[in-house]
Protein backbone atom coordinates (compact mmCIF):
# COMPACT_ATOMS: atom_id res chain seq x y z
CA UNK A 1 0.09 -0.05 0.01
CA UNK A 2 1.19 3.57 -0.79
CA UNK A 3 2.00 6.07 2.02
CA UNK A 4 -1.47 6.87 2.49
CA UNK A 5 -3.69 8.03 5.33
CA UNK A 6 -7.26 6.57 5.04
CA UNK A 7 -10.39 8.32 5.76
CA UNK A 8 -14.08 8.03 5.26
CA UNK A 9 -16.73 10.59 4.55
CA UNK A 10 -20.12 9.27 5.08
CA UNK A 11 -23.37 10.64 3.42
CA UNK A 12 -26.84 9.43 3.69
CA UNK A 13 -27.51 9.29 0.06
CA UNK A 14 -25.42 9.22 -3.26
CA UNK A 15 -26.96 12.57 -4.02
CA UNK A 16 -24.93 14.20 -1.29
CA UNK A 17 -21.66 12.91 -2.37
CA UNK A 18 -20.82 16.06 -4.67
CA UNK A 19 -21.63 18.28 -2.02
CA UNK A 20 -18.98 16.35 0.25
CA UNK A 21 -16.75 16.67 -2.76
CA UNK A 22 -16.96 20.35 -3.07
CA UNK A 23 -16.86 20.72 0.61
CA UNK A 24 -13.69 18.83 0.82
CA UNK A 25 -12.13 20.74 -2.34
CA UNK A 26 -13.15 24.11 -0.98
CA UNK A 27 -11.59 23.56 2.52
CA UNK A 28 -8.35 22.49 0.58
CA UNK A 29 -8.67 25.78 -1.34
CA UNK A 30 -8.91 27.94 1.64
CA UNK A 31 -6.22 25.98 3.57
CA UNK A 32 -3.83 26.40 0.58
CA UNK A 33 -3.76 30.21 0.24
CA UNK A 34 -1.51 31.12 3.34
CA UNK A 35 1.34 28.95 2.10
CA UNK A 36 0.73 30.29 -1.48
CA UNK A 37 1.16 34.00 -0.37
CA UNK A 38 4.10 33.44 1.74
CA UNK A 39 6.34 31.46 -1.05
CA UNK A 40 6.17 34.25 -3.48
CA UNK A 41 6.26 34.23 -7.17
CA UNK A 42 7.84 30.77 -7.79
CA UNK A 43 4.95 28.86 -6.17
CA UNK A 44 3.54 25.37 -6.51
CA UNK A 45 -0.10 24.55 -6.33
CA UNK A 46 -1.77 22.23 -3.95
CA UNK A 47 -2.37 19.13 -5.73
CA UNK A 48 -5.52 17.21 -5.68
CA UNK A 49 -6.50 14.11 -7.23
CA UNK A 50 -10.24 12.74 -7.58
CA UNK A 51 -10.63 9.23 -8.56
CA UNK A 52 -13.87 7.96 -10.21
CA UNK A 53 -15.49 4.69 -11.80
CA UNK A 54 -17.23 6.16 -14.76
CA UNK A 55 -17.37 8.86 -17.16
CA UNK A 56 -20.50 10.06 -16.25
CA UNK A 57 -19.22 10.51 -12.37
CA UNK A 58 -16.10 12.19 -14.16
CA UNK A 59 -18.41 14.71 -15.85
CA UNK A 60 -20.32 15.53 -12.90
CA UNK A 61 -17.47 15.96 -10.27
CA UNK A 62 -15.87 18.27 -12.96
CA UNK A 63 -18.76 20.35 -13.05
CA UNK A 64 -19.42 20.60 -9.40
CA UNK A 65 -15.94 21.81 -8.74
CA UNK A 66 -15.45 24.27 -11.64
CA UNK A 67 -18.78 25.98 -10.49
CA UNK A 68 -17.53 26.37 -6.78
CA UNK A 69 -13.97 27.12 -7.51
CA UNK A 70 -13.88 28.76 -11.06
CA UNK A 71 -9.96 29.65 -10.54
CA UNK A 72 -8.81 26.28 -9.77
CA UNK A 73 -6.78 24.35 -12.42
CA UNK A 74 -8.96 21.41 -13.40
CA UNK A 75 -8.29 18.74 -15.88
CA UNK A 76 -9.54 15.20 -16.93
CA UNK A 77 -8.04 12.02 -17.78
CA UNK A 78 -10.64 9.37 -19.37
CA UNK A 79 -10.43 6.83 -21.89
CA UNK A 80 -11.69 8.68 -24.73
CA UNK A 81 -8.44 10.55 -24.60
CA UNK A 82 -5.60 9.77 -27.23
CA UNK A 83 -2.31 8.54 -25.28
CA UNK A 84 -0.75 12.12 -26.72
CA UNK A 85 -3.67 14.10 -24.58
CA UNK A 86 -3.21 11.95 -21.70
CA UNK A 87 0.50 12.45 -21.64
CA UNK A 88 0.14 16.23 -21.91
CA UNK A 89 -2.59 16.69 -19.39
CA UNK A 90 -0.10 14.45 -16.97
CA UNK A 91 2.84 16.83 -17.94
CA UNK A 92 0.45 19.73 -17.31
CA UNK A 93 -0.39 18.76 -13.59
CA UNK A 94 2.97 17.65 -12.87
CA UNK A 95 4.52 21.15 -13.92
CA UNK A 96 1.25 23.04 -12.34
CA UNK A 97 1.90 21.33 -8.61
CA UNK A 98 5.33 22.30 -8.98
CA UNK A 99 5.45 26.01 -10.25
CA UNK A 100 3.43 29.11 -11.44
CA UNK A 101 1.89 28.71 -14.80
CA UNK A 102 4.01 31.19 -16.85
CA UNK A 103 1.53 31.55 -19.97
CA UNK A 104 -1.96 30.75 -21.45
CA UNK A 105 -0.47 27.69 -23.26
CA UNK A 106 0.17 25.72 -20.12
CA UNK A 107 -3.33 26.77 -18.50
CA UNK A 108 -4.87 25.13 -21.64
CA UNK A 109 -2.98 22.02 -21.07
CA UNK A 110 -4.59 21.46 -17.51
CA UNK A 111 -7.94 22.68 -18.64
CA UNK A 112 -8.59 26.16 -16.91
CA UNK A 113 -10.30 28.86 -18.96
CA UNK A 114 -9.83 31.39 -16.06
CA UNK A 115 -7.31 33.83 -14.92
CA UNK A 116 -5.32 33.26 -11.59
CA UNK A 117 -6.69 36.22 -9.93
CA UNK A 118 -5.78 34.86 -6.22
CA UNK A 119 -9.42 33.75 -5.41
CA UNK A 120 -11.76 30.98 -5.63
CA UNK A 121 -9.32 28.00 -6.04
CA UNK A 122 -6.48 29.86 -7.28
CA UNK A 123 -4.09 27.65 -4.94
CA UNK A 124 -5.18 24.33 -6.44
CA UNK A 125 -4.80 22.05 -9.25
CA UNK A 126 -7.20 19.37 -9.53
CA UNK A 127 -6.91 16.10 -11.64
CA UNK A 128 -10.12 14.02 -12.13
CA UNK A 129 -9.14 10.52 -13.69
CA UNK A 130 -10.83 6.91 -14.15
CA UNK A 131 -8.97 3.82 -13.25
CA UNK A 132 -7.81 3.35 -16.81
CA UNK A 133 -6.11 6.34 -17.22
CA UNK A 134 -4.29 6.57 -13.70
CA UNK A 135 -0.13 6.33 -14.28
CA UNK A 136 1.04 2.74 -14.71
CA UNK A 137 3.44 2.64 -11.81
CA UNK A 138 4.00 -1.15 -12.21
CA UNK A 139 5.46 -0.25 -15.69
CA UNK A 140 7.64 2.57 -14.23
CA UNK A 141 5.41 5.33 -14.89
CA UNK A 142 5.67 7.95 -12.06
CA UNK A 143 3.01 8.38 -9.47
CA UNK A 144 0.86 11.71 -9.32
CA UNK A 145 2.37 12.70 -5.81
CA UNK A 146 -0.92 14.25 -4.75
CA UNK A 147 -1.38 16.07 -1.64
CA UNK A 148 -4.81 14.60 -1.07
CA UNK A 149 -6.78 12.25 -2.96
CA UNK A 150 -10.60 11.56 -3.16
CA UNK A 151 -12.17 8.47 -4.00
CA UNK A 152 -15.77 9.42 -5.39
CA UNK A 153 -16.44 5.56 -5.89
CA UNK A 154 -15.60 2.46 -4.21
CA UNK A 155 -14.02 0.07 -6.66
CA UNK A 156 -17.10 -2.08 -8.18
CA UNK A 157 -17.93 -5.53 -6.58
CA UNK A 158 -19.86 -7.85 -9.11
CA UNK A 159 -19.46 -11.16 -10.65
CA UNK A 160 -16.51 -9.94 -12.78
CA UNK A 161 -14.66 -8.13 -9.86
CA UNK A 162 -14.13 -10.23 -7.00
CA UNK A 163 -13.46 -8.81 -3.58
CA UNK A 164 -9.68 -9.31 -4.10
CA UNK A 165 -9.85 -7.62 -7.36
CA UNK A 166 -11.57 -4.76 -6.10
CA UNK A 167 -8.97 -4.55 -3.07
CA UNK A 168 -6.40 -4.53 -5.46
CA UNK A 169 -8.06 -1.80 -7.30
CA UNK A 170 -8.07 0.23 -4.02
CA UNK A 171 -4.55 -0.36 -3.46
CA UNK A 172 -3.53 0.58 -6.82
CA UNK A 173 -5.58 3.94 -6.71
CA UNK A 174 -3.72 4.83 -3.67
CA UNK A 175 -0.12 3.89 -5.44
CA UNK A 176 -0.83 5.68 -8.65
CA UNK A 177 -2.26 8.89 -6.92
CA UNK A 178 0.19 9.37 -3.97
CA UNK A 179 3.28 7.26 -4.29
CA UNK A 180 5.98 5.64 -1.78
CA UNK A 181 8.66 6.92 -0.08
CA UNK A 182 7.41 10.09 1.80
CA UNK A 183 5.16 11.36 4.60
CA UNK A 184 1.57 9.80 4.34
CA UNK A 185 -1.00 11.72 2.63
CA UNK A 186 -4.74 11.53 3.01
CA UNK A 187 -6.73 9.21 0.74
CA UNK A 188 -10.54 9.99 1.47
CA UNK A 189 -13.41 7.96 0.22
CA UNK A 190 -16.78 9.59 -0.13
CA UNK A 191 -19.19 6.74 0.88
CA UNK A 192 -22.81 6.79 0.68
CA UNK A 193 -24.93 4.54 3.02
CA UNK A 194 -25.44 1.86 0.39
CA UNK A 195 -21.82 1.58 -0.39
CA UNK A 196 -20.67 0.77 3.32
CA UNK A 197 -20.48 -2.83 2.92
CA UNK A 198 -18.61 -2.74 -0.16
CA UNK A 199 -16.34 -0.30 1.21
CA UNK A 200 -15.66 -2.54 4.36
CA UNK A 201 -14.94 -5.54 1.93
CA UNK A 202 -12.45 -3.27 -0.12
CA UNK A 203 -10.54 -1.98 2.75
CA UNK A 204 -10.45 -4.98 5.00
CA UNK A 205 -7.22 -4.86 6.98
CA UNK A 206 -6.72 -1.10 6.44
CA UNK A 207 -7.11 1.35 9.24
CA UNK A 208 -9.64 3.79 8.08
CA UNK A 209 -10.70 6.93 10.27
CA UNK A 210 -13.81 8.79 9.90
CA UNK A 211 -14.12 12.46 8.74
CA UNK A 212 -13.53 15.23 9.87
CA UNK A 213 -9.65 15.90 10.02
CA UNK A 214 -7.43 19.08 10.36
CA UNK A 215 -6.99 20.01 6.45
CA UNK A 216 -4.37 22.70 7.64
CA UNK A 217 -1.90 20.41 9.30
CA UNK A 218 -2.43 17.10 7.52
CA UNK A 219 -3.01 18.17 4.14
CA UNK A 220 -1.36 21.43 3.45
CA UNK A 221 1.22 21.63 6.25
CA UNK A 222 2.27 18.18 4.94
CA UNK A 223 2.57 18.98 1.48
CA UNK A 224 4.48 22.33 1.87
CA UNK A 225 6.82 20.65 4.33
CA UNK A 226 7.48 18.20 1.67
CA UNK A 227 8.05 20.62 -1.06
CA UNK A 228 10.37 22.67 1.02
CA UNK A 229 12.81 19.67 1.47
CA UNK A 230 12.76 18.92 -2.16
CA UNK A 231 13.18 22.50 -2.99
CA UNK A 232 10.75 22.60 -5.76
């Protein structure tokens, strides 16, 4: 398992999951502003990864985030993209989380159409991705190195996807989005009441804490501490 701290954000019904997602993203945005301002011109953005099961869920989550935080840099990775486009988006995301974006071309790569005016998510870069488009860590592709991972959909349990396969998917998601070898970072699953049983099966043997947690300390503080050590 990757270096992750596992949390669960519980909702009563699936319709409330988007509201929970927006709340998590907004908290991340508000908490990221102080480090952004202190570090000056050559500043990295707080990187967030949102993992979903389907394209419909991807689009719904993207709309919710961009409506709530219009100045966040938001990008999608899904199976309809060419390998070239996937590569460009991944590179844009990696660049945005390490440095200020110098021009409109880079902004276009990561999917933002808004100016960075310092408000409403300007300190964030958010990548929404389906399983098929996550980095292939087993094949040597670098993980995303997110400061926060939000899992919108529990890995599916059905006749073609056993409990062991679903647990492997959960583990692969954490490894691809976070990686190994650094201070553990939060992996938050948004779980509706009718998904609890499946979630418990998928996370068997993993310590999972219930929300809320301290964003400023766990997410933002851990990320900026990491960035100051690596010098980028």
